[in-house]
C-alpha atoms as a PDB file:
ATOM      1  CA  UNK A   1     106.869 106.872 175.218  1.00  0.00           C
ATOM      2  CA  UNK A   2     109.397 108.233 177.726  1.00  0.00           C
ATOM      3  CA  UNK A   3     110.038 107.224 181.333  1.00  0.00           C
ATOM      4  CA  UNK A   4     112.721 108.023 183.919  1.00  0.00           C
ATOM      5  CA  UNK A   5     114.509 105.438 186.041  1.00  0.00           C
ATOM      6  CA  UNK A   6     116.645 105.711 189.179  1.00  0.00           C
ATOM      7  CA  UNK A   7     120.380 105.754 188.501  1.00  0.00           C
ATOM      8  CA  UNK A   8     120.748 102.326 190.078  1.00  0.00           C
ATOM      9  CA  UNK A   9     121.521  98.889 188.658  1.00  0.00           C
ATOM     10  CA  UNK A  10     118.472  97.612 190.536  1.00  0.00           C
ATOM     11  CA  UNK A  11     116.321  99.629 188.097  1.00  0.00           C
ATOM     12  CA  UNK A  12     117.044  97.140 185.310  1.00  0.00           C
ATOM     13  CA  UNK A  13     114.014  94.919 186.034  1.00  0.00           C
ATOM     14  CA  UNK A  14     111.728  97.953 185.821  1.00  0.00           C
ATOM     15  CA  UNK A  15     113.471  99.051 182.611  1.00  0.00           C
ATOM     16  CA  UNK A  16     112.987  95.617 181.031  1.00  0.00           C
ATOM     17  CA  UNK A  17     109.280  95.699 181.931  1.00  0.00           C
ATOM     18  CA  UNK A  18     109.005  99.149 180.327  1.00  0.00           C
ATOM     19  CA  UNK A  19     110.770  97.963 177.160  1.00  0.00           C
ATOM     20  CA  UNK A  20     108.634  94.835 176.974  1.00  0.00           C
ATOM     21  CA  UNK A  21     105.426  96.864 177.277  1.00  0.00           C
ATOM     22  CA  UNK A  22     106.514  99.234 174.533  1.00  0.00           C
ATOM     23  CA  UNK A  23     108.183  96.855 172.088  1.00  0.00           C
ATOM     24  CA  UNK A  24     106.736  93.373 172.392  1.00  0.00           C
ATOM     25  CA  UNK A  25     103.179  94.675 172.623  1.00  0.00           C
ATOM     26  CA  UNK A  26     103.607  96.153 169.113  1.00  0.00           C
ATOM     27  CA  UNK A  27     105.672  93.470 167.437  1.00  0.00           C
ATOM     28  CA  UNK A  28     105.247  89.743 167.031  1.00  0.00           C
ATOM     29  CA  UNK A  29     108.963  89.454 166.298  1.00  0.00           C
ATOM     30  CA  UNK A  30     110.899  89.108 169.554  1.00  0.00           C
ATOM     31  CA  UNK A  31     114.361  89.537 167.982  1.00  0.00           C
ATOM     32  CA  UNK A  32     114.395  93.379 168.066  1.00  0.00           C
ATOM     33  CA  UNK A  33     113.160  93.382 171.674  1.00  0.00           C
ATOM     34  CA  UNK A  34     115.891  90.942 172.727  1.00  0.00           C
ATOM     35  CA  UNK A  35     118.623  93.009 171.037  1.00  0.00           C
ATOM     36  CA  UNK A  36     117.312  96.270 172.490  1.00  0.00           C
ATOM     37  CA  UNK A  37     117.115  94.801 176.011  1.00  0.00           C
ATOM     38  CA  UNK A  38     120.772  93.762 175.791  1.00  0.00           C
ATOM     39  CA  UNK A  39     121.863  97.111 174.352  1.00  0.00           C
ATOM     40  CA  UNK A  40     119.929  99.126 176.943  1.00  0.00           C
ATOM     41  CA  UNK A  41     121.289  96.975 179.772  1.00  0.00           C
ATOM     42  CA  UNK A  42     124.862  97.656 178.661  1.00  0.00           C
ATOM     43  CA  UNK A  43     124.323 101.383 178.056  1.00  0.00           C
ATOM     44  CA  UNK A  44     122.347 101.997 181.265  1.00  0.00           C
ATOM     45  CA  UNK A  45     124.903 100.060 183.323  1.00  0.00           C
ATOM     46  CA  UNK A  46     127.725 102.171 181.861  1.00  0.00           C
ATOM     47  CA  UNK A  47     125.845 105.372 182.701  1.00  0.00           C
ATOM     48  CA  UNK A  48     125.357 104.235 186.283  1.00  0.00           C
ATOM     49  CA  UNK A  49     128.980 103.096 186.719  1.00  0.00           C
ATOM     50  CA  UNK A  50     130.817 105.907 184.973  1.00  0.00           C
ATOM     51  CA  UNK A  51     128.663 109.025 185.465  1.00  0.00           C
ATOM     52  CA  UNK A  52     128.165 108.947 189.215  1.00  0.00           C
ATOM     53  CA  UNK A  53     127.800 112.731 189.425  1.00  0.00           C
ATOM     54  CA  UNK A  54     124.826 112.768 187.060  1.00  0.00           C
ATOM     55  CA  UNK A  55     121.201 113.484 187.851  1.00  0.00           C
ATOM     56  CA  UNK A  56     119.459 110.904 190.057  1.00  0.00           C
ATOM     57  CA  UNK A  57     117.413 109.585 187.115  1.00  0.00           C
ATOM     58  CA  UNK A  58     118.130 108.488 183.552  1.00  0.00           C
ATOM     59  CA  UNK A  59     115.466 108.913 180.884  1.00  0.00           C
ATOM     60  CA  UNK A  60     114.612 106.152 178.441  1.00  0.00           C
ATOM     61  CA  UNK A  61     112.382 106.684 175.436  1.00  0.00           C
ATOM     62  CA  UNK A  62     110.959 104.221 172.922  1.00  0.00           C
ATOM     63  CA  UNK A  63     109.587 105.007 169.495  1.00  0.00           C
ATOM     64  CA  UNK A  64     108.351 102.519 166.928  1.00  0.00           C
ATOM     65  CA  UNK A  65     107.971 103.867 163.433  1.00  0.00           C
ATOM     66  CA  UNK A  66     107.423 101.587 160.477  1.00  0.00           C
ATOM     67  CA  UNK A  67     110.151  98.994 160.651  1.00  0.00           C
ATOM     68  CA  UNK A  68     112.429 100.910 163.057  1.00  0.00           C
ATOM     69  CA  UNK A  69     112.597 100.534 166.824  1.00  0.00           C
ATOM     70  CA  UNK A  70     114.341 103.566 168.330  1.00  0.00           C
ATOM     71  CA  UNK A  71     115.441 103.722 171.963  1.00  0.00           C
ATOM     72  CA  UNK A  72     117.038 106.799 173.527  1.00  0.00           C
ATOM     73  CA  UNK A  73     118.852 106.985 176.856  1.00  0.00           C
ATOM     74  CA  UNK A  74     119.313 110.493 178.234  1.00  0.00           C
ATOM     75  CA  UNK A  75     121.785 111.082 181.050  1.00  0.00           C
ATOM     76  CA  UNK A  76     122.064 114.628 182.415  1.00  0.00           C
ATOM     77  CA  UNK A  77     124.477 116.327 184.763  1.00  0.00           C
ATOM     78  CA  UNK A  78     127.704 114.749 183.666  1.00  0.00           C
ATOM     79  CA  UNK A  79     130.568 115.174 181.282  1.00  0.00           C
ATOM     80  CA  UNK A  80     130.107 114.181 177.635  1.00  0.00           C
ATOM     81  CA  UNK A  81     131.187 110.706 176.533  1.00  0.00           C
ATOM     82  CA  UNK A  82     130.599 109.877 172.887  1.00  0.00           C
ATOM     83  CA  UNK A  83     130.748 106.109 172.779  1.00  0.00           C
ATOM     84  CA  UNK A  84     130.349 106.178 169.008  1.00  0.00           C
ATOM     85  CA  UNK A  85     133.914 107.534 168.846  1.00  0.00           C
ATOM     86  CA  UNK A  86     135.361 104.928 171.196  1.00  0.00           C
ATOM     87  CA  UNK A  87     138.232 102.933 169.750  1.00  0.00           C
ATOM     88  CA  UNK A  88     137.263  99.680 168.048  1.00  0.00           C
ATOM     89  CA  UNK A  89     138.092  96.494 169.945  1.00  0.00           C
ATOM     90  CA  UNK A  90     140.492  94.151 168.195  1.00  0.00           C
ATOM     91  CA  UNK A  91     138.780  90.852 168.952  1.00  0.00           C
ATOM     92  CA  UNK A  92     141.470  88.950 167.040  1.00  0.00           C
ATOM     93  CA  UNK A  93     144.230  89.890 169.498  1.00  0.00           C
ATOM     94  CA  UNK A  94     144.916  87.426 172.305  1.00  0.00           C
ATOM     95  CA  UNK A  95     143.058  88.314 175.514  1.00  0.00           C
ATOM     96  CA  UNK A  96     146.251  88.960 177.469  1.00  0.00           C
ATOM     97  CA  UNK A  97     147.284  91.612 174.901  1.00  0.00           C
ATOM     98  CA  UNK A  98     143.987  93.528 174.861  1.00  0.00           C
ATOM     99  CA  UNK A  99     143.369  96.593 177.019  1.00  0.00           C
ATOM    100  CA  UNK A 100     140.620  96.255 179.607  1.00  0.00           C
ATOM    101  CA  UNK A 101     137.259  97.754 178.670  1.00  0.00           C
ATOM    102  CA  UNK A 102     135.304  98.485 175.540  1.00  0.00           C
ATOM    103  CA  UNK A 103     133.749  95.059 174.969  1.00  0.00           C
ATOM    104  CA  UNK A 104     130.268  96.223 175.978  1.00  0.00           C
ATOM    105  CA  UNK A 105     130.336  99.086 173.493  1.00  0.00           C
ATOM    106  CA  UNK A 106     131.695  96.677 170.876  1.00  0.00           C
ATOM    107  CA  UNK A 107     128.801  94.285 171.542  1.00  0.00           C
ATOM    108  CA  UNK A 108     126.214  97.079 171.241  1.00  0.00           C
ATOM    109  CA  UNK A 109     127.745  98.263 167.953  1.00  0.00           C
ATOM    110  CA  UNK A 110     127.561  94.739 166.548  1.00  0.00           C
ATOM    111  CA  UNK A 111     123.931  94.159 167.566  1.00  0.00           C
ATOM    112  CA  UNK A 112     122.184  97.373 166.525  1.00  0.00           C
ATOM    113  CA  UNK A 113     121.666  98.957 163.121  1.00  0.00           C
ATOM    114  CA  UNK A 114     122.382 102.553 164.180  1.00  0.00           C
ATOM    115  CA  UNK A 115     124.126 104.101 167.177  1.00  0.00           C
ATOM    116  CA  UNK A 116     124.189 107.888 167.644  1.00  0.00           C
ATOM    117  CA  UNK A 117     125.270 110.285 170.384  1.00  0.00           C
ATOM    118  CA  UNK A 118     124.468 113.914 171.083  1.00  0.00           C
ATOM    119  CA  UNK A 119     125.287 116.258 173.954  1.00  0.00           C
ATOM    120  CA  UNK A 120     123.452 119.473 174.728  1.00  0.00           C
ATOM    121  CA  UNK A 121     122.631 121.396 177.883  1.00  0.00           C
ATOM    122  CA  UNK A 122     124.697 119.017 180.046  1.00  0.00           C
ATOM    123  CA  UNK A 123     122.654 116.056 178.783  1.00  0.00           C
ATOM    124  CA  UNK A 124     124.105 113.188 176.776  1.00  0.00           C
ATOM    125  CA  UNK A 125     121.695 111.187 174.641  1.00  0.00           C
ATOM    126  CA  UNK A 126     122.487 107.820 173.124  1.00  0.00           C
ATOM    127  CA  UNK A 127     120.148 106.709 170.361  1.00  0.00           C
ATOM    128  CA  UNK A 128     119.932 103.055 169.352  1.00  0.00           C
ATOM    129  CA  UNK A 129     117.996 101.893 166.297  1.00  0.00           C
ATOM    130  CA  UNK A 130     117.130  98.312 165.434  1.00  0.00           C
ATOM    131  CA  UNK A 131     115.199  97.462 162.286  1.00  0.00           C
ATOM    132  CA  UNK A 132     112.596  94.751 162.066  1.00  0.00           C
ATOM    133  CA  UNK A 133     113.672  91.899 159.901  1.00  0.00           C
ATOM    134  CA  UNK A 134     111.695  91.950 156.691  1.00  0.00           C
ATOM    135  CA  UNK A 135     109.859  88.702 156.039  1.00  0.00           C
ATOM    136  CA  UNK A 136     111.540  86.479 153.498  1.00  0.00           C
ATOM    137  CA  UNK A 137     109.706  86.634 150.194  1.00  0.00           C
ATOM    138  CA  UNK A 138     109.760  83.508 148.106  1.00  0.00           C
ATOM    139  CA  UNK A 139     110.948  84.161 144.608  1.00  0.00           C
ATOM    140  CA  UNK A 140     108.025  82.917 142.516  1.00  0.00           C
ATOM    141  CA  UNK A 141     110.306  82.593 139.474  1.00  0.00           C
ATOM    142  CA  UNK A 142     112.020  79.618 141.096  1.00  0.00           C
ATOM    143  CA  UNK A 143     110.439  76.167 140.926  1.00  0.00           C
END
């Protein structure tokens, strides 16, 4: 399922409703939905803040296949920015010694199972994948 949203921070409530309809309606486990909401909020916000010359709308797609939840954000009309190649944040350095920026991308990388970027025809697409947690299986060999 794909839908477009205004390039505006105020679109986040509508985006969350869209994600909830697509993800929570097909999964009893709320953990993937929570992670994907946070990741999409960070990614969408970055697109709005840093690609002001882009098209007036940003596309968001959701696909659920087996145990994988895949969300794509497509932002057209701007320059490429491959966040997957952004420098890692050294979270062990004292705050006053760290450069500003990059924590949102760091957070997304830590939360999701896959993060991909592609750029074609003046459109950048970020793909985020989160796997369902497999249910714990009791080892019947143990007492």
